[in-house]
Amino acid sequence: RRRDAVTDTGEWRPVWKAMKGLAEQHGDDNVRLV
């Protein structure tokens, strides 16, 4: 499943944390991941 390939706790954790912080500051609709 997608969660098996990109885990919450693995090497993507800093990305998820940064995106959460940006969304809190700028709103969910103003954050993109490329």
PDB file of all heavy atoms in Angstrom:
ATOM      1  N   ARG A   1       0.857  -1.180   0.000  1.00  0.00           N
ATOM      2  CA  ARG A   1       0.000   0.000   0.000  1.00  0.00           C
ATOM      3  C   ARG A   1       0.897   1.234   0.000  1.00  0.00           C
ATOM      4  O   ARG A   1       2.094   1.147   0.274  1.00  0.00           O
ATOM      5  CB  ARG A   1      -0.882   0.008   1.258  1.00  0.00           C
ATOM      6  CG  ARG A   1      -1.787  -1.200   1.353  1.00  0.00           C
ATOM      7  CD  ARG A   1      -2.391  -1.338   2.733  1.00  0.00           C
ATOM      8  NE  ARG A   1      -1.299  -1.505   3.705  1.00  0.00           N
ATOM      9  CZ  ARG A   1      -1.334  -1.089   4.958  1.00  0.00           C
ATOM     10  NH1 ARG A   1      -2.380  -0.475   5.432  1.00  0.00           N
ATOM     11  NH2 ARG A   1      -0.318  -1.289   5.764  1.00  0.00           N
ATOM     12  N   ARG A   2       0.324   2.362  -0.286  1.00  0.00           N
ATOM     13  CA  ARG A   2       1.113   3.600  -0.301  1.00  0.00           C
ATOM     14  C   ARG A   2       1.845   3.791   1.023  1.00  0.00           C
ATOM     15  O   ARG A   2       3.002   4.194   1.039  1.00  0.00           O
ATOM     16  CB  ARG A   2       0.215   4.801  -0.586  1.00  0.00           C
ATOM     17  CG  ARG A   2      -0.204   4.888  -2.024  1.00  0.00           C
ATOM     18  CD  ARG A   2      -1.063   6.093  -2.263  1.00  0.00           C
ATOM     19  NE  ARG A   2      -1.296   6.254  -3.696  1.00  0.00           N
ATOM     20  CZ  ARG A   2      -2.310   6.917  -4.189  1.00  0.00           C
ATOM     21  NH1 ARG A   2      -3.182   7.503  -3.386  1.00  0.00           N
ATOM     22  NH2 ARG A   2      -2.460   7.017  -5.483  1.00  0.00           N
ATOM     23  N   ARG A   3       1.174   3.522   2.137  1.00  0.00           N
ATOM     24  CA  ARG A   3       1.797   3.752   3.442  1.00  0.00           C
ATOM     25  C   ARG A   3       2.986   2.812   3.681  1.00  0.00           C
ATOM     26  O   ARG A   3       3.856   3.105   4.488  1.00  0.00           O
ATOM     27  CB  ARG A   3       0.780   3.676   4.575  1.00  0.00           C
ATOM     28  CG  ARG A   3       0.400   2.326   5.065  1.00  0.00           C
ATOM     29  CD  ARG A   3      -0.482   2.350   6.322  1.00  0.00           C
ATOM     30  NE  ARG A   3      -1.724   3.076   6.127  1.00  0.00           N
ATOM     31  CZ  ARG A   3      -1.970   4.309   6.590  1.00  0.00           C
ATOM     32  NH1 ARG A   3      -1.070   4.955   7.280  1.00  0.00           N
ATOM     33  NH2 ARG A   3      -3.129   4.891   6.369  1.00  0.00           N
ATOM     34  N   ASP A   4       3.039   1.693   2.985  1.00  0.00           N
ATOM     35  CA  ASP A   4       4.181   0.789   3.103  1.00  0.00           C
ATOM     36  C   ASP A   4       5.414   1.363   2.402  1.00  0.00           C
ATOM     37  O   ASP A   4       6.536   1.115   2.812  1.00  0.00           O
ATOM     38  CB  ASP A   4       3.854  -0.576   2.487  1.00  0.00           C
ATOM     39  CG  ASP A   4       2.688  -1.269   3.169  1.00  0.00           C
ATOM     40  OD1 ASP A   4       2.542  -1.117   4.399  1.00  0.00           O
ATOM     41  OD2 ASP A   4       1.912  -1.947   2.462  1.00  0.00           O
ATOM     42  N   ALA A   5       5.179   2.109   1.330  1.00  0.00           N
ATOM     43  CA  ALA A   5       6.275   2.669   0.548  1.00  0.00           C
ATOM     44  C   ALA A   5       6.794   3.981   1.138  1.00  0.00           C
ATOM     45  O   ALA A   5       7.982   4.277   1.065  1.00  0.00           O
ATOM     46  CB  ALA A   5       5.826   2.892  -0.899  1.00  0.00           C
ATOM     47  N   VAL A   6       5.904   4.764   1.727  1.00  0.00           N
ATOM     48  CA  VAL A   6       6.261   6.075   2.282  1.00  0.00           C
ATOM     49  C   VAL A   6       5.703   6.137   3.703  1.00  0.00           C
ATOM     50  O   VAL A   6       4.561   6.519   3.904  1.00  0.00           O
ATOM     51  CB  VAL A   6       5.682   7.223   1.419  1.00  0.00           C
ATOM     52  CG1 VAL A   6       6.121   8.572   1.961  1.00  0.00           C
ATOM     53  CG2 VAL A   6       6.088   7.075  -0.035  1.00  0.00           C
ATOM     54  N   THR A   7       6.520   5.758   4.663  1.00  0.00           N
ATOM     55  CA  THR A   7       6.033   5.644   6.041  1.00  0.00           C
ATOM     56  C   THR A   7       6.023   6.991   6.763  1.00  0.00           C
ATOM     57  O   THR A   7       6.742   7.919   6.395  1.00  0.00           O
ATOM     58  CB  THR A   7       6.900   4.664   6.844  1.00  0.00           C
ATOM     59  OG1 THR A   7       8.213   5.202   6.944  1.00  0.00           O
ATOM     60  CG2 THR A   7       6.950   3.295   6.182  1.00  0.00           C
ATOM     61  N   ASP A   8       5.213   7.062   7.816  1.00  0.00           N
ATOM     62  CA  ASP A   8       5.141   8.266   8.650  1.00  0.00           C
ATOM     63  C   ASP A   8       6.432   8.505   9.420  1.00  0.00           C
ATOM     64  O   ASP A   8       6.788   9.634   9.722  1.00  0.00           O
ATOM     65  CB  ASP A   8       4.011   8.137   9.686  1.00  0.00           C
ATOM     66  CG  ASP A   8       2.638   8.150   9.061  1.00  0.00           C
ATOM     67  OD1 ASP A   8       2.490   8.652   7.940  1.00  0.00           O
ATOM     68  OD2 ASP A   8       1.698   7.658   9.714  1.00  0.00           O
ATOM     69  N   THR A   9       7.105   7.428   9.787  1.00  0.00           N
ATOM     70  CA  THR A   9       8.244   7.536  10.699  1.00  0.00           C
ATOM     71  C   THR A   9       9.601   7.382  10.027  1.00  0.00           C
ATOM     72  O   THR A   9      10.616   7.606  10.659  1.00  0.00           O
ATOM     73  CB  THR A   9       8.132   6.469  11.804  1.00  0.00           C
ATOM     74  OG1 THR A   9       8.080   5.181  11.187  1.00  0.00           O
ATOM     75  CG2 THR A   9       6.899   6.691  12.648  1.00  0.00           C
ATOM     76  N   GLY A  10       9.624   7.011   8.774  1.00  0.00           N
ATOM     77  CA  GLY A  10      10.890   6.777   8.088  1.00  0.00           C
ATOM     78  C   GLY A  10      11.562   8.057   7.621  1.00  0.00           C
ATOM     79  O   GLY A  10      11.409   9.125   8.224  1.00  0.00           O
ATOM     80  N   GLU A  11      12.269   7.950   6.526  1.00  0.00           N
ATOM     81  CA  GLU A  11      13.054   9.084   6.029  1.00  0.00           C
ATOM     82  C   GLU A  11      12.195  10.255   5.557  1.00  0.00           C
ATOM     83  O   GLU A  11      12.692  11.361   5.387  1.00  0.00           O
ATOM     84  CB  GLU A  11      13.979   8.622   4.900  1.00  0.00           C
ATOM     85  CG  GLU A  11      13.249   8.026   3.721  1.00  0.00           C
ATOM     86  CD  GLU A  11      14.175   7.337   2.744  1.00  0.00           C
ATOM     87  OE1 GLU A  11      15.364   7.164   3.042  1.00  0.00           O
ATOM     88  OE2 GLU A  11      13.702   6.974   1.664  1.00  0.00           O
ATOM     89  N   TRP A  12      10.898  10.028   5.383  1.00  0.00           N
ATOM     90  CA  TRP A  12       9.995  11.115   4.966  1.00  0.00           C
ATOM     91  C   TRP A  12       9.490  11.931   6.151  1.00  0.00           C
ATOM     92  O   TRP A  12       8.849  12.971   5.967  1.00  0.00           O
ATOM     93  CB  TRP A  12       8.811  10.533   4.190  1.00  0.00           C
ATOM     94  CG  TRP A  12       9.203  10.118   2.810  1.00  0.00           C
ATOM     95  CD1 TRP A  12       9.682   8.892   2.426  1.00  0.00           C
ATOM     96  CD2 TRP A  12       9.174  10.924   1.640  1.00  0.00           C
ATOM     97  NE1 TRP A  12       9.939   8.891   1.080  1.00  0.00           N
ATOM     98  CE2 TRP A  12       9.641  10.127   0.572  1.00  0.00           C
ATOM     99  CE3 TRP A  12       8.801  12.239   1.374  1.00  0.00           C
ATOM    100  CZ2 TRP A  12       9.746  10.604  -0.731  1.00  0.00           C
ATOM    101  CZ3 TRP A  12       8.901  12.715   0.080  1.00  0.00           C
ATOM    102  CH2 TRP A  12       9.378  11.900  -0.949  1.00  0.00           C
ATOM    103  N   ARG A  13       9.749  11.502   7.369  1.00  0.00           N
ATOM    104  CA  ARG A  13       9.219  12.196   8.549  1.00  0.00           C
ATOM    105  C   ARG A  13       9.531  13.694   8.551  1.00  0.00           C
ATOM    106  O   ARG A  13       8.642  14.514   8.816  1.00  0.00           O
ATOM    107  CB  ARG A  13       9.716  11.528   9.819  1.00  0.00           C
ATOM    108  CG  ARG A  13       9.086  12.118  11.048  1.00  0.00           C
ATOM    109  CD  ARG A  13       9.544  11.437  12.308  1.00  0.00           C
ATOM    110  NE  ARG A  13       8.632  11.814  13.373  1.00  0.00           N
ATOM    111  CZ  ARG A  13       8.370  11.098  14.400  1.00  0.00           C
ATOM    112  NH1 ARG A  13       8.942   9.920  14.542  1.00  0.00           N
ATOM    113  NH2 ARG A  13       7.543  11.513  15.318  1.00  0.00           N
ATOM    114  N   PRO A  14      10.773  14.128   8.263  1.00  0.00           N
ATOM    115  CA  PRO A  14      11.047  15.576   8.248  1.00  0.00           C
ATOM    116  C   PRO A  14      10.221  16.323   7.190  1.00  0.00           C
ATOM    117  O   PRO A  14       9.830  17.468   7.403  1.00  0.00           O
ATOM    118  CB  PRO A  14      12.545  15.660   7.922  1.00  0.00           C
ATOM    119  CG  PRO A  14      13.104  14.328   8.265  1.00  0.00           C
ATOM    120  CD  PRO A  14      11.993  13.335   8.053  1.00  0.00           C
ATOM    121  N   VAL A  15       9.929  15.661   6.079  1.00  0.00           N
ATOM    122  CA  VAL A  15       9.110  16.283   5.035  1.00  0.00           C
ATOM    123  C   VAL A  15       7.694  16.498   5.551  1.00  0.00           C
ATOM    124  O   VAL A  15       7.115  17.582   5.402  1.00  0.00           O
ATOM    125  CB  VAL A  15       9.099  15.419   3.753  1.00  0.00           C
ATOM    126  CG1 VAL A  15       8.162  16.001   2.710  1.00  0.00           C
ATOM    127  CG2 VAL A  15      10.501  15.264   3.201  1.00  0.00           C
ATOM    128  N   TRP A  16       7.119  15.453   6.170  1.00  0.00           N
ATOM    129  CA  TRP A  16       5.754  15.580   6.696  1.00  0.00           C
ATOM    130  C   TRP A  16       5.692  16.664   7.768  1.00  0.00           C
ATOM    131  O   TRP A  16       4.730  17.428   7.824  1.00  0.00           O
ATOM    132  CB  TRP A  16       5.248  14.262   7.262  1.00  0.00           C
ATOM    133  CG  TRP A  16       5.326  13.086   6.343  1.00  0.00           C
ATOM    134  CD1 TRP A  16       5.631  11.800   6.704  1.00  0.00           C
ATOM    135  CD2 TRP A  16       5.095  13.038   4.926  1.00  0.00           C
ATOM    136  NE1 TRP A  16       5.608  10.985   5.606  1.00  0.00           N
ATOM    137  CE2 TRP A  16       5.287  11.720   4.497  1.00  0.00           C
ATOM    138  CE3 TRP A  16       4.774  14.003   3.971  1.00  0.00           C
ATOM    139  CZ2 TRP A  16       5.150  11.326   3.178  1.00  0.00           C
ATOM    140  CZ3 TRP A  16       4.636  13.617   2.639  1.00  0.00           C
ATOM    141  CH2 TRP A  16       4.817  12.293   2.266  1.00  0.00           C
ATOM    142  N   LYS A  17       6.712  16.749   8.603  1.00  0.00           N
ATOM    143  CA  LYS A  17       6.742  17.750   9.668  1.00  0.00           C
ATOM    144  C   LYS A  17       6.807  19.161   9.075  1.00  0.00           C
ATOM    145  O   LYS A  17       6.084  20.056   9.518  1.00  0.00           O
ATOM    146  CB  LYS A  17       7.943  17.497  10.588  1.00  0.00           C
ATOM    147  CG  LYS A  17       7.998  18.390  11.786  1.00  0.00           C
ATOM    148  CD  LYS A  17       9.157  18.025  12.698  1.00  0.00           C
ATOM    149  CE  LYS A  17       9.198  18.962  13.883  1.00  0.00           C
ATOM    150  NZ  LYS A  17      10.302  18.642  14.784  1.00  0.00           N
ATOM    151  N   ALA A  18       7.658  19.352   8.065  1.00  0.00           N
ATOM    152  CA  ALA A  18       7.769  20.672   7.419  1.00  0.00           C
ATOM    153  C   ALA A  18       6.461  21.053   6.734  1.00  0.00           C
ATOM    154  O   ALA A  18       6.010  22.205   6.833  1.00  0.00           O
ATOM    155  CB  ALA A  18       8.917  20.661   6.413  1.00  0.00           C
ATOM    156  N   MET A  19       5.839  20.087   6.051  1.00  0.00           N
ATOM    157  CA  MET A  19       4.572  20.375   5.372  1.00  0.00           C
ATOM    158  C   MET A  19       3.477  20.729   6.372  1.00  0.00           C
ATOM    159  O   MET A  19       2.668  21.637   6.127  1.00  0.00           O
ATOM    160  CB  MET A  19       4.149  19.187   4.509  1.00  0.00           C
ATOM    161  CG  MET A  19       5.025  19.009   3.287  1.00  0.00           C
ATOM    162  SD  MET A  19       4.459  17.683   2.232  1.00  0.00           S
ATOM    163  CE  MET A  19       2.966  18.418   1.575  1.00  0.00           C
ATOM    164  N   LYS A  20       3.460  20.057   7.501  1.00  0.00           N
ATOM    165  CA  LYS A  20       2.460  20.360   8.523  1.00  0.00           C
ATOM    166  C   LYS A  20       2.655  21.782   9.034  1.00  0.00           C
ATOM    167  O   LYS A  20       1.691  22.539   9.184  1.00  0.00           O
ATOM    168  CB  LYS A  20       2.560  19.350   9.673  1.00  0.00           C
ATOM    169  CG  LYS A  20       1.542  19.586  10.757  1.00  0.00           C
ATOM    170  CD  LYS A  20       1.647  18.545  11.866  1.00  0.00           C
ATOM    171  CE  LYS A  20       0.606  18.851  12.930  1.00  0.00           C
ATOM    172  NZ  LYS A  20       0.703  17.959  14.066  1.00  0.00           N
ATOM    173  N   GLY A  21       3.908  22.152   9.316  1.00  0.00           N
ATOM    174  CA  GLY A  21       4.199  23.505   9.790  1.00  0.00           C
ATOM    175  C   GLY A  21       3.806  24.566   8.769  1.00  0.00           C
ATOM    176  O   GLY A  21       3.223  25.599   9.117  1.00  0.00           O
ATOM    177  N   LEU A  22       4.108  24.324   7.503  1.00  0.00           N
ATOM    178  CA  LEU A  22       3.729  25.270   6.447  1.00  0.00           C
ATOM    179  C   LEU A  22       2.217  25.388   6.313  1.00  0.00           C
ATOM    180  O   LEU A  22       1.674  26.483   6.128  1.00  0.00           O
ATOM    181  CB  LEU A  22       4.347  24.841   5.108  1.00  0.00           C
ATOM    182  CG  LEU A  22       5.854  25.009   5.002  1.00  0.00           C
ATOM    183  CD1 LEU A  22       6.387  24.274   3.770  1.00  0.00           C
ATOM    184  CD2 LEU A  22       6.221  26.481   4.955  1.00  0.00           C
ATOM    185  N   ALA A  23       1.521  24.245   6.418  1.00  0.00           N
ATOM    186  CA  ALA A  23       0.058  24.262   6.309  1.00  0.00           C
ATOM    187  C   ALA A  23      -0.564  25.025   7.476  1.00  0.00           C
ATOM    188  O   ALA A  23      -1.545  25.759   7.292  1.00  0.00           O
ATOM    189  CB  ALA A  23      -0.484  22.838   6.250  1.00  0.00           C
ATOM    190  N   GLU A  24       0.020  24.877   8.660  1.00  0.00           N
ATOM    191  CA  GLU A  24      -0.504  25.615   9.817  1.00  0.00           C
ATOM    192  C   GLU A  24      -0.326  27.124   9.625  1.00  0.00           C
ATOM    193  O   GLU A  24      -1.161  27.911  10.045  1.00  0.00           O
ATOM    194  CB  GLU A  24       0.190  25.145  11.099  1.00  0.00           C
ATOM    195  CG  GLU A  24      -0.242  23.757  11.533  1.00  0.00           C
ATOM    196  CD  GLU A  24       0.600  23.175  12.649  1.00  0.00           C
ATOM    197  OE1 GLU A  24       1.599  23.809  13.073  1.00  0.00           O
ATOM    198  OE2 GLU A  24       0.274  22.056  13.106  1.00  0.00           O
ATOM    199  N   GLN A  25       0.755  27.512   8.991  1.00  0.00           N
ATOM    200  CA  GLN A  25       1.037  28.934   8.788  1.00  0.00           C
ATOM    201  C   GLN A  25       0.309  29.518   7.578  1.00  0.00           C
ATOM    202  O   GLN A  25      -0.169  30.644   7.618  1.00  0.00           O
ATOM    203  CB  GLN A  25       2.544  29.148   8.624  1.00  0.00           C
ATOM    204  CG  GLN A  25       2.940  30.596   8.510  1.00  0.00           C
ATOM    205  CD  GLN A  25       4.440  30.779   8.496  1.00  0.00           C
ATOM    206  OE1 GLN A  25       5.202  29.814   8.547  1.00  0.00           O
ATOM    207  NE2 GLN A  25       4.877  32.009   8.422  1.00  0.00           N
ATOM    208  N   HIS A  26       0.215  28.734   6.485  1.00  0.00           N
ATOM    209  CA  HIS A  26      -0.304  29.271   5.221  1.00  0.00           C
ATOM    210  C   HIS A  26      -1.615  28.646   4.760  1.00  0.00           C
ATOM    211  O   HIS A  26      -2.181  29.076   3.768  1.00  0.00           O
ATOM    212  CB  HIS A  26       0.744  29.097   4.112  1.00  0.00           C
ATOM    213  CG  HIS A  26       2.039  29.773   4.421  1.00  0.00           C
ATOM    214  ND1 HIS A  26       2.199  31.133   4.379  1.00  0.00           N
ATOM    215  CD2 HIS A  26       3.235  29.260   4.792  1.00  0.00           C
ATOM    216  CE1 HIS A  26       3.445  31.442   4.700  1.00  0.00           C
ATOM    217  NE2 HIS A  26       4.098  30.322   4.959  1.00  0.00           N
ATOM    218  N   GLY A  27      -2.076  27.610   5.427  1.00  0.00           N
ATOM    219  CA  GLY A  27      -3.301  26.922   5.033  1.00  0.00           C
ATOM    220  C   GLY A  27      -3.012  25.717   4.152  1.00  0.00           C
ATOM    221  O   GLY A  27      -2.069  25.730   3.352  1.00  0.00           O
ATOM    222  N   ASP A  28      -3.828  24.674   4.297  1.00  0.00           N
ATOM    223  CA  ASP A  28      -3.631  23.421   3.560  1.00  0.00           C
ATOM    224  C   ASP A  28      -3.566  23.621   2.050  1.00  0.00           C
ATOM    225  O   ASP A  28      -2.770  22.988   1.368  1.00  0.00           O
ATOM    226  CB  ASP A  28      -4.753  22.435   3.871  1.00  0.00           C
ATOM    227  CG  ASP A  28      -4.670  21.864   5.280  1.00  0.00           C
ATOM    228  OD1 ASP A  28      -3.631  22.047   5.947  1.00  0.00           O
ATOM    229  OD2 ASP A  28      -5.652  21.229   5.704  1.00  0.00           O
ATOM    230  N   ASP A  29      -4.417  24.502   1.522  1.00  0.00           N
ATOM    231  CA  ASP A  29      -4.496  24.678   0.068  1.00  0.00           C
ATOM    232  C   ASP A  29      -3.306  25.429  -0.518  1.00  0.00           C
ATOM    233  O   ASP A  29      -3.200  25.557  -1.741  1.00  0.00           O
ATOM    234  CB  ASP A  29      -5.793  25.404  -0.312  1.00  0.00           C
ATOM    235  CG  ASP A  29      -7.019  24.535  -0.055  1.00  0.00           C
ATOM    236  OD1 ASP A  29      -6.863  23.297   0.006  1.00  0.00           O
ATOM    237  OD2 ASP A  29      -8.121  25.097   0.073  1.00  0.00           O
ATOM    238  N   ASN A  30      -2.411  25.922   0.326  1.00  0.00           N
ATOM    239  CA  ASN A  30      -1.269  26.697  -0.151  1.00  0.00           C
ATOM    240  C   ASN A  30       0.062  25.966   0.013  1.00  0.00           C
ATOM    241  O   ASN A  30       1.123  26.581  -0.062  1.00  0.00           O
ATOM    242  CB  ASN A  30      -1.224  28.043   0.581  1.00  0.00           C
ATOM    243  CG  ASN A  30      -2.440  28.876   0.262  1.00  0.00           C
ATOM    244  OD1 ASN A  30      -2.786  29.052  -0.897  1.00  0.00           O
ATOM    245  ND2 ASN A  30      -3.116  29.354   1.286  1.00  0.00           N
ATOM    246  N   VAL A  31      -0.008  24.666   0.228  1.00  0.00           N
ATOM    247  CA  VAL A  31       1.212  23.863   0.389  1.00  0.00           C
ATOM    248  C   VAL A  31       1.206  22.757  -0.653  1.00  0.00           C
ATOM    249  O   VAL A  31       0.221  22.051  -0.815  1.00  0.00           O
ATOM    250  CB  VAL A  31       1.297  23.264   1.807  1.00  0.00           C
ATOM    251  CG1 VAL A  31       2.553  22.413   1.953  1.00  0.00           C
ATOM    252  CG2 VAL A  31       1.269  24.362   2.861  1.00  0.00           C
ATOM    253  N   ARG A  32       2.307  22.621  -1.370  1.00  0.00           N
ATOM    254  CA  ARG A  32       2.446  21.582  -2.398  1.00  0.00           C
ATOM    255  C   ARG A  32       3.763  20.831  -2.181  1.00  0.00           C
ATOM    256  O   ARG A  32       4.739  21.395  -1.710  1.00  0.00           O
ATOM    257  CB  ARG A  32       2.493  22.184  -3.803  1.00  0.00           C
ATOM    258  CG  ARG A  32       1.278  22.975  -4.199  1.00  0.00           C
ATOM    259  CD  ARG A  32       0.101  22.043  -4.514  1.00  0.00           C
ATOM    260  NE  ARG A  32      -1.072  22.782  -4.888  1.00  0.00           N
ATOM    261  CZ  ARG A  32      -2.018  23.204  -4.061  1.00  0.00           C
ATOM    262  NH1 ARG A  32      -1.902  22.956  -2.785  1.00  0.00           N
ATOM    263  NH2 ARG A  32      -3.057  23.871  -4.484  1.00  0.00           N
ATOM    264  N   LEU A  33       3.758  19.575  -2.574  1.00  0.00           N
ATOM    265  CA  LEU A  33       4.972  18.766  -2.528  1.00  0.00           C
ATOM    266  C   LEU A  33       5.263  18.292  -3.945  1.00  0.00           C
ATOM    267  O   LEU A  33       4.413  17.652  -4.570  1.00  0.00           O
ATOM    268  CB  LEU A  33       4.810  17.556  -1.592  1.00  0.00           C
ATOM    269  CG  LEU A  33       5.972  16.570  -1.552  1.00  0.00           C
ATOM    270  CD1 LEU A  33       7.217  17.239  -0.983  1.00  0.00           C
ATOM    271  CD2 LEU A  33       5.590  15.358  -0.727  1.00  0.00           C
ATOM    272  N   VAL A  34       6.432  18.636  -4.444  1.00  0.00           N
ATOM    273  CA  VAL A  34       6.870  18.186  -5.758  1.00  0.00           C
ATOM    274  C   VAL A  34       8.116  17.334  -5.533  1.00  0.00           C
ATOM    275  O   VAL A  34       9.059  17.761  -4.861  1.00  0.00           O
ATOM    276  CB  VAL A  34       7.200  19.386  -6.685  1.00  0.00           C
ATOM    277  CG1 VAL A  34       7.690  18.889  -8.038  1.00  0.00           C
ATOM    278  CG2 VAL A  34       5.977  20.291  -6.829  1.00  0.00           C
TER     279      VAL A  34
END
